[in-house]
C-alpha cells in the first residue's frame, strides 16, 4: 500500500515538472528570438512593437502607439507574454 502511494506521488511530481520545463524552454526560445520590429503582447495586455532591446540591463523599449504618435514604454524582458 505504501509502495503504491510512493509510486503515485513520484508520478504526480514527474507529471508536473516535465510540462513546466517544456513551457520554460519554449518561453526562453521565444525571448531569445525577439528582435527590433517584432510585435508583442505584455503580461499587462499592452500590444506594441519593439523599438529597442538593451541586453545589458535586460530591458526593452516598446512602442504602444502608432507610427505618427509614438508612445514609448521601457519594460523588463520578463514582461513579455507572447510574440504576435
Foldseek 3Di string as FASTA:
>chain_A
DVVVVVVVVVVVVVVVVVVVVVVVVVVVVQLVPDDFQWWFAFPVGQIFTWHAADPVVQKTWTFSDDPVDTDIDIDHSNRTDGTD
